[in-house]
Amino acid sequence: MQKLVLGLSVAVMLASSPVFAETISGCPVAGVTAGCLVVTAKDGKVYDITEIKDAFDPAKKRGIVASGEVSKDVSTCMQGTILKQIEWTYSEEQCTGGAAE
């Protein structure tokens, strides 16, 4: 019985610990669907970062560095890989004309 309890405890701990699988940087822009926010990483991959749209200020015209958990959810944005539980900060990268507004 002790092995089963230990195994379940480990499984619960792993399931509740977010895994930040992707770290990206770039200039957030409006997605093709209204209300969506995306960023194209340096490797050309597009990420749906709509989760941060309320905190992101396009007037700063700055890029971001973000880490998040890749989600297999389906989004109304239908553009890019969805990131969840995003931790982000503004970067020194200057974004001109393309920042989401």
N, C-alpha and C. Protein backbone atom coordinates (compact mmCIF):
# COMPACT_ATOMS: atom_id res chain seq x y z
N MET A 1 0.82 -1.19 0.00
CA MET A 1 0.00 0.00 0.00
C MET A 1 0.86 1.26 0.00
N GLN A 2 2.00 1.23 0.70
CA GLN A 2 2.86 2.41 0.76
C GLN A 2 3.40 2.76 -0.62
N LYS A 3 3.72 1.77 -1.43
CA LYS A 3 4.23 2.06 -2.78
C LYS A 3 3.18 2.74 -3.63
N LEU A 4 1.93 2.32 -3.51
CA LEU A 4 0.84 2.92 -4.27
C LEU A 4 0.65 4.38 -3.86
N VAL A 5 0.65 4.67 -2.57
CA VAL A 5 0.49 6.03 -2.08
C VAL A 5 1.64 6.90 -2.55
N LEU A 6 2.86 6.41 -2.46
CA LEU A 6 4.02 7.15 -2.92
C LEU A 6 3.92 7.42 -4.41
N GLY A 7 3.54 6.42 -5.18
CA GLY A 7 3.39 6.58 -6.62
C GLY A 7 2.34 7.63 -6.97
N LEU A 8 1.22 7.62 -6.26
CA LEU A 8 0.17 8.60 -6.50
C LEU A 8 0.63 10.00 -6.10
N SER A 9 1.37 10.12 -5.02
CA SER A 9 1.88 11.42 -4.58
C SER A 9 2.81 12.01 -5.63
N VAL A 10 3.70 11.20 -6.16
CA VAL A 10 4.62 11.68 -7.20
C VAL A 10 3.84 12.08 -8.44
N ALA A 11 2.86 11.27 -8.84
CA ALA A 11 2.06 11.59 -10.03
C ALA A 11 1.31 12.91 -9.85
N VAL A 12 0.76 13.15 -8.66
CA VAL A 12 0.05 14.39 -8.39
C VAL A 12 1.02 15.57 -8.43
N MET A 13 2.19 15.43 -7.85
CA MET A 13 3.18 16.51 -7.86
C MET A 13 3.60 16.83 -9.29
N LEU A 14 3.84 15.83 -10.11
CA LEU A 14 4.24 16.07 -11.48
C LEU A 14 3.12 16.71 -12.29
N ALA A 15 1.91 16.27 -12.07
CA ALA A 15 0.78 16.81 -12.82
C ALA A 15 0.51 18.26 -12.45
N SER A 16 0.80 18.66 -11.22
CA SER A 16 0.52 20.02 -10.79
C SER A 16 1.68 20.98 -11.03
N SER A 17 2.82 20.49 -11.45
CA SER A 17 3.98 21.33 -11.70
C SER A 17 4.04 21.71 -13.18
N PRO A 18 3.90 23.02 -13.49
CA PRO A 18 3.95 23.41 -14.89
C PRO A 18 5.34 23.15 -15.48
N VAL A 19 5.35 22.77 -16.73
CA VAL A 19 6.61 22.55 -17.44
C VAL A 19 6.75 23.66 -18.47
N PHE A 20 7.70 24.54 -18.29
CA PHE A 20 7.92 25.62 -19.23
C PHE A 20 8.78 25.10 -20.37
N ALA A 21 8.10 24.67 -21.41
CA ALA A 21 8.76 23.96 -22.49
C ALA A 21 9.33 24.88 -23.57
N GLU A 22 8.84 26.09 -23.66
CA GLU A 22 9.29 26.99 -24.73
C GLU A 22 9.68 28.34 -24.16
N THR A 23 10.79 28.87 -24.63
CA THR A 23 11.19 30.24 -24.33
C THR A 23 11.36 30.94 -25.67
N ILE A 24 10.69 32.06 -25.82
CA ILE A 24 10.68 32.77 -27.10
C ILE A 24 10.97 34.24 -26.89
N SER A 25 11.30 34.91 -27.96
CA SER A 25 11.42 36.37 -27.93
C SER A 25 10.99 36.91 -29.27
N GLY A 26 10.50 38.13 -29.27
CA GLY A 26 10.06 38.76 -30.50
C GLY A 26 9.09 39.89 -30.21
N CYS A 27 8.51 40.43 -31.29
CA CYS A 27 7.57 41.53 -31.18
C CYS A 27 6.15 41.02 -31.29
N PRO A 28 5.34 41.17 -30.25
CA PRO A 28 3.95 40.75 -30.33
C PRO A 28 3.19 41.59 -31.35
N VAL A 29 2.32 40.94 -32.09
CA VAL A 29 1.48 41.61 -33.07
C VAL A 29 0.06 41.06 -32.96
N ALA A 30 -0.88 41.81 -33.49
CA ALA A 30 -2.27 41.34 -33.51
C ALA A 30 -2.34 40.11 -34.40
N GLY A 31 -3.11 39.13 -33.97
CA GLY A 31 -3.31 37.93 -34.77
C GLY A 31 -4.30 38.21 -35.89
N VAL A 32 -4.52 37.21 -36.74
CA VAL A 32 -5.46 37.36 -37.84
C VAL A 32 -6.90 37.43 -37.34
N THR A 33 -7.16 36.90 -36.16
CA THR A 33 -8.48 36.96 -35.54
C THR A 33 -8.49 38.08 -34.51
N ALA A 34 -9.53 38.89 -34.53
CA ALA A 34 -9.63 40.01 -33.59
C ALA A 34 -9.47 39.53 -32.15
N GLY A 35 -8.69 40.28 -31.37
CA GLY A 35 -8.49 39.96 -29.97
C GLY A 35 -7.36 39.00 -29.68
N CYS A 36 -6.69 38.54 -30.72
CA CYS A 36 -5.59 37.59 -30.54
C CYS A 36 -4.25 38.30 -30.59
N LEU A 37 -3.27 37.75 -29.89
CA LEU A 37 -1.93 38.29 -29.84
C LEU A 37 -0.95 37.16 -30.14
N VAL A 38 -0.07 37.40 -31.10
CA VAL A 38 0.90 36.37 -31.50
C VAL A 38 2.29 36.97 -31.57
N VAL A 39 3.27 36.10 -31.53
CA VAL A 39 4.65 36.52 -31.72
C VAL A 39 5.33 35.46 -32.59
N THR A 40 6.15 35.94 -33.52
CA THR A 40 6.94 35.04 -34.35
C THR A 40 8.33 35.00 -33.75
N ALA A 41 8.74 33.82 -33.32
CA ALA A 41 10.05 33.64 -32.69
C ALA A 41 11.15 33.74 -33.75
N LYS A 42 12.36 33.85 -33.28
CA LYS A 42 13.52 33.98 -34.18
C LYS A 42 13.64 32.82 -35.16
N ASP A 43 13.13 31.63 -34.77
CA ASP A 43 13.22 30.46 -35.66
C ASP A 43 12.05 30.40 -36.65
N GLY A 44 11.18 31.42 -36.63
CA GLY A 44 10.07 31.48 -37.56
C GLY A 44 8.77 30.86 -37.07
N LYS A 45 8.80 30.18 -35.92
CA LYS A 45 7.58 29.59 -35.37
C LYS A 45 6.69 30.69 -34.80
N VAL A 46 5.39 30.54 -35.00
CA VAL A 46 4.41 31.49 -34.50
C VAL A 46 3.79 30.94 -33.22
N TYR A 47 3.65 31.79 -32.22
CA TYR A 47 3.09 31.40 -30.94
C TYR A 47 1.90 32.30 -30.61
N ASP A 48 0.82 31.69 -30.15
CA ASP A 48 -0.36 32.39 -29.67
C ASP A 48 -0.12 32.74 -28.21
N ILE A 49 0.05 34.03 -27.94
CA ILE A 49 0.31 34.50 -26.57
C ILE A 49 -0.84 35.37 -26.07
N THR A 50 -2.03 35.11 -26.59
CA THR A 50 -3.21 35.90 -26.25
C THR A 50 -3.42 35.99 -24.75
N GLU A 51 -2.97 34.99 -24.01
CA GLU A 51 -3.11 34.97 -22.56
C GLU A 51 -2.57 36.24 -21.90
N ILE A 52 -1.58 36.90 -22.49
CA ILE A 52 -0.97 38.09 -21.88
C ILE A 52 -1.48 39.40 -22.45
N LYS A 53 -2.47 39.36 -23.35
CA LYS A 53 -2.87 40.58 -24.06
C LYS A 53 -3.32 41.71 -23.15
N ASP A 54 -3.92 41.40 -22.01
CA ASP A 54 -4.38 42.46 -21.12
C ASP A 54 -3.23 43.15 -20.38
N ALA A 55 -2.11 42.47 -20.21
CA ALA A 55 -0.96 43.04 -19.50
C ALA A 55 0.03 43.70 -20.47
N PHE A 56 0.03 43.26 -21.72
CA PHE A 56 0.99 43.78 -22.70
C PHE A 56 0.56 45.17 -23.16
N ASP A 57 1.52 46.11 -23.22
CA ASP A 57 1.24 47.49 -23.63
C ASP A 57 1.92 47.77 -24.97
N PRO A 58 1.15 47.76 -26.08
CA PRO A 58 1.75 47.98 -27.39
C PRO A 58 2.36 49.37 -27.57
N ALA A 59 1.92 50.33 -26.76
CA ALA A 59 2.46 51.69 -26.87
C ALA A 59 3.94 51.74 -26.52
N LYS A 60 4.42 50.76 -25.78
CA LYS A 60 5.85 50.74 -25.43
C LYS A 60 6.72 50.39 -26.62
N LYS A 61 6.13 49.78 -27.65
CA LYS A 61 6.85 49.37 -28.86
C LYS A 61 8.12 48.59 -28.54
N ARG A 62 7.96 47.64 -27.61
CA ARG A 62 9.07 46.80 -27.17
C ARG A 62 8.73 45.34 -27.38
N GLY A 63 9.76 44.56 -27.62
CA GLY A 63 9.58 43.13 -27.74
C GLY A 63 9.45 42.50 -26.37
N ILE A 64 9.27 41.19 -26.38
CA ILE A 64 9.16 40.45 -25.12
C ILE A 64 10.06 39.22 -25.15
N VAL A 65 10.37 38.74 -23.97
CA VAL A 65 10.97 37.41 -23.78
C VAL A 65 9.95 36.68 -22.92
N ALA A 66 9.53 35.50 -23.38
CA ALA A 66 8.48 34.78 -22.68
C ALA A 66 8.79 33.29 -22.59
N SER A 67 8.36 32.70 -21.50
CA SER A 67 8.43 31.25 -21.32
C SER A 67 7.04 30.78 -20.99
N GLY A 68 6.66 29.65 -21.58
CA GLY A 68 5.33 29.14 -21.32
C GLY A 68 5.22 27.67 -21.63
N GLU A 69 4.13 27.12 -21.18
CA GLU A 69 3.84 25.71 -21.38
C GLU A 69 3.10 25.56 -22.71
N VAL A 70 3.58 24.69 -23.57
CA VAL A 70 2.92 24.43 -24.83
C VAL A 70 1.60 23.73 -24.54
N SER A 71 0.52 24.26 -25.13
CA SER A 71 -0.80 23.70 -24.91
C SER A 71 -1.32 23.03 -26.18
N LYS A 72 -2.06 21.99 -26.00
CA LYS A 72 -2.70 21.32 -27.13
C LYS A 72 -4.16 21.76 -27.25
N ASP A 73 -4.53 22.79 -26.48
CA ASP A 73 -5.89 23.32 -26.55
C ASP A 73 -6.16 23.88 -27.94
N VAL A 74 -7.43 24.04 -28.25
CA VAL A 74 -7.84 24.67 -29.49
C VAL A 74 -8.27 26.09 -29.13
N SER A 75 -7.86 27.04 -29.94
CA SER A 75 -8.15 28.43 -29.67
C SER A 75 -8.95 29.04 -30.81
N THR A 76 -9.74 30.05 -30.49
CA THR A 76 -10.45 30.77 -31.55
C THR A 76 -9.47 31.54 -32.43
N CYS A 77 -8.26 31.74 -31.95
CA CYS A 77 -7.24 32.44 -32.74
C CYS A 77 -6.79 31.60 -33.93
N MET A 78 -6.75 30.31 -33.74
CA MET A 78 -6.38 29.37 -34.81
C MET A 78 -5.10 29.77 -35.54
N GLN A 79 -4.13 30.27 -34.77
CA GLN A 79 -2.88 30.72 -35.37
C GLN A 79 -1.74 30.46 -34.39
N GLY A 80 -0.81 29.64 -34.76
CA GLY A 80 0.37 29.40 -33.95
C GLY A 80 0.15 28.39 -32.84
N THR A 81 1.24 28.07 -32.18
CA THR A 81 1.25 27.17 -31.03
C THR A 81 0.81 27.96 -29.81
N ILE A 82 -0.15 27.44 -29.08
CA ILE A 82 -0.68 28.15 -27.92
C ILE A 82 0.27 27.98 -26.73
N LEU A 83 0.61 29.11 -26.10
CA LEU A 83 1.37 29.07 -24.85
C LEU A 83 0.45 29.42 -23.71
N LYS A 84 0.57 28.69 -22.61
CA LYS A 84 -0.21 28.91 -21.39
C LYS A 84 0.75 29.13 -20.23
N GLN A 85 0.22 29.66 -19.15
CA GLN A 85 1.02 29.93 -17.95
C GLN A 85 2.30 30.67 -18.32
N ILE A 86 2.11 31.74 -19.05
CA ILE A 86 3.24 32.50 -19.60
C ILE A 86 3.85 33.41 -18.54
N GLU A 87 5.16 33.34 -18.44
CA GLU A 87 5.94 34.29 -17.65
C GLU A 87 6.71 35.12 -18.66
N TRP A 88 6.60 36.44 -18.58
CA TRP A 88 7.22 37.27 -19.61
C TRP A 88 7.71 38.58 -19.04
N THR A 89 8.56 39.22 -19.84
CA THR A 89 9.06 40.55 -19.52
C THR A 89 9.34 41.27 -20.84
N TYR A 90 9.36 42.59 -20.78
CA TYR A 90 9.74 43.35 -21.97
C TYR A 90 11.23 43.15 -22.22
N SER A 91 11.61 43.14 -23.48
CA SER A 91 13.02 43.04 -23.85
C SER A 91 13.50 44.40 -24.33
N GLU A 92 14.74 44.49 -24.70
CA GLU A 92 15.29 45.73 -25.24
C GLU A 92 14.98 45.88 -26.73
N GLU A 93 14.45 44.83 -27.34
CA GLU A 93 14.13 44.88 -28.78
C GLU A 93 13.08 45.94 -29.05
N GLN A 94 13.35 46.80 -30.03
CA GLN A 94 12.42 47.83 -30.43
C GLN A 94 11.52 47.29 -31.53
N CYS A 95 10.21 47.47 -31.38
CA CYS A 95 9.24 46.99 -32.35
C CYS A 95 8.63 48.21 -33.05
N THR A 96 8.71 48.22 -34.35
CA THR A 96 8.19 49.35 -35.10
C THR A 96 7.04 48.93 -36.00
N GLY A 97 5.95 49.62 -35.87
CA GLY A 97 4.82 49.42 -36.77
C GLY A 97 4.05 48.13 -36.61
N GLY A 98 4.64 47.09 -36.03
CA GLY A 98 3.93 45.83 -35.97
C GLY A 98 3.38 45.48 -34.61
N ALA A 99 3.67 46.30 -33.61
CA ALA A 99 3.18 45.96 -32.27
C ALA A 99 1.66 45.96 -32.24
N ALA A 100 1.10 45.00 -31.58
CA ALA A 100 -0.37 44.87 -31.49
C ALA A 100 -0.95 46.09 -30.78
N GLU A 101 -2.04 46.58 -31.29
CA GLU A 101 -2.70 47.72 -30.66
C GLU A 101 -4.15 47.45 -30.44
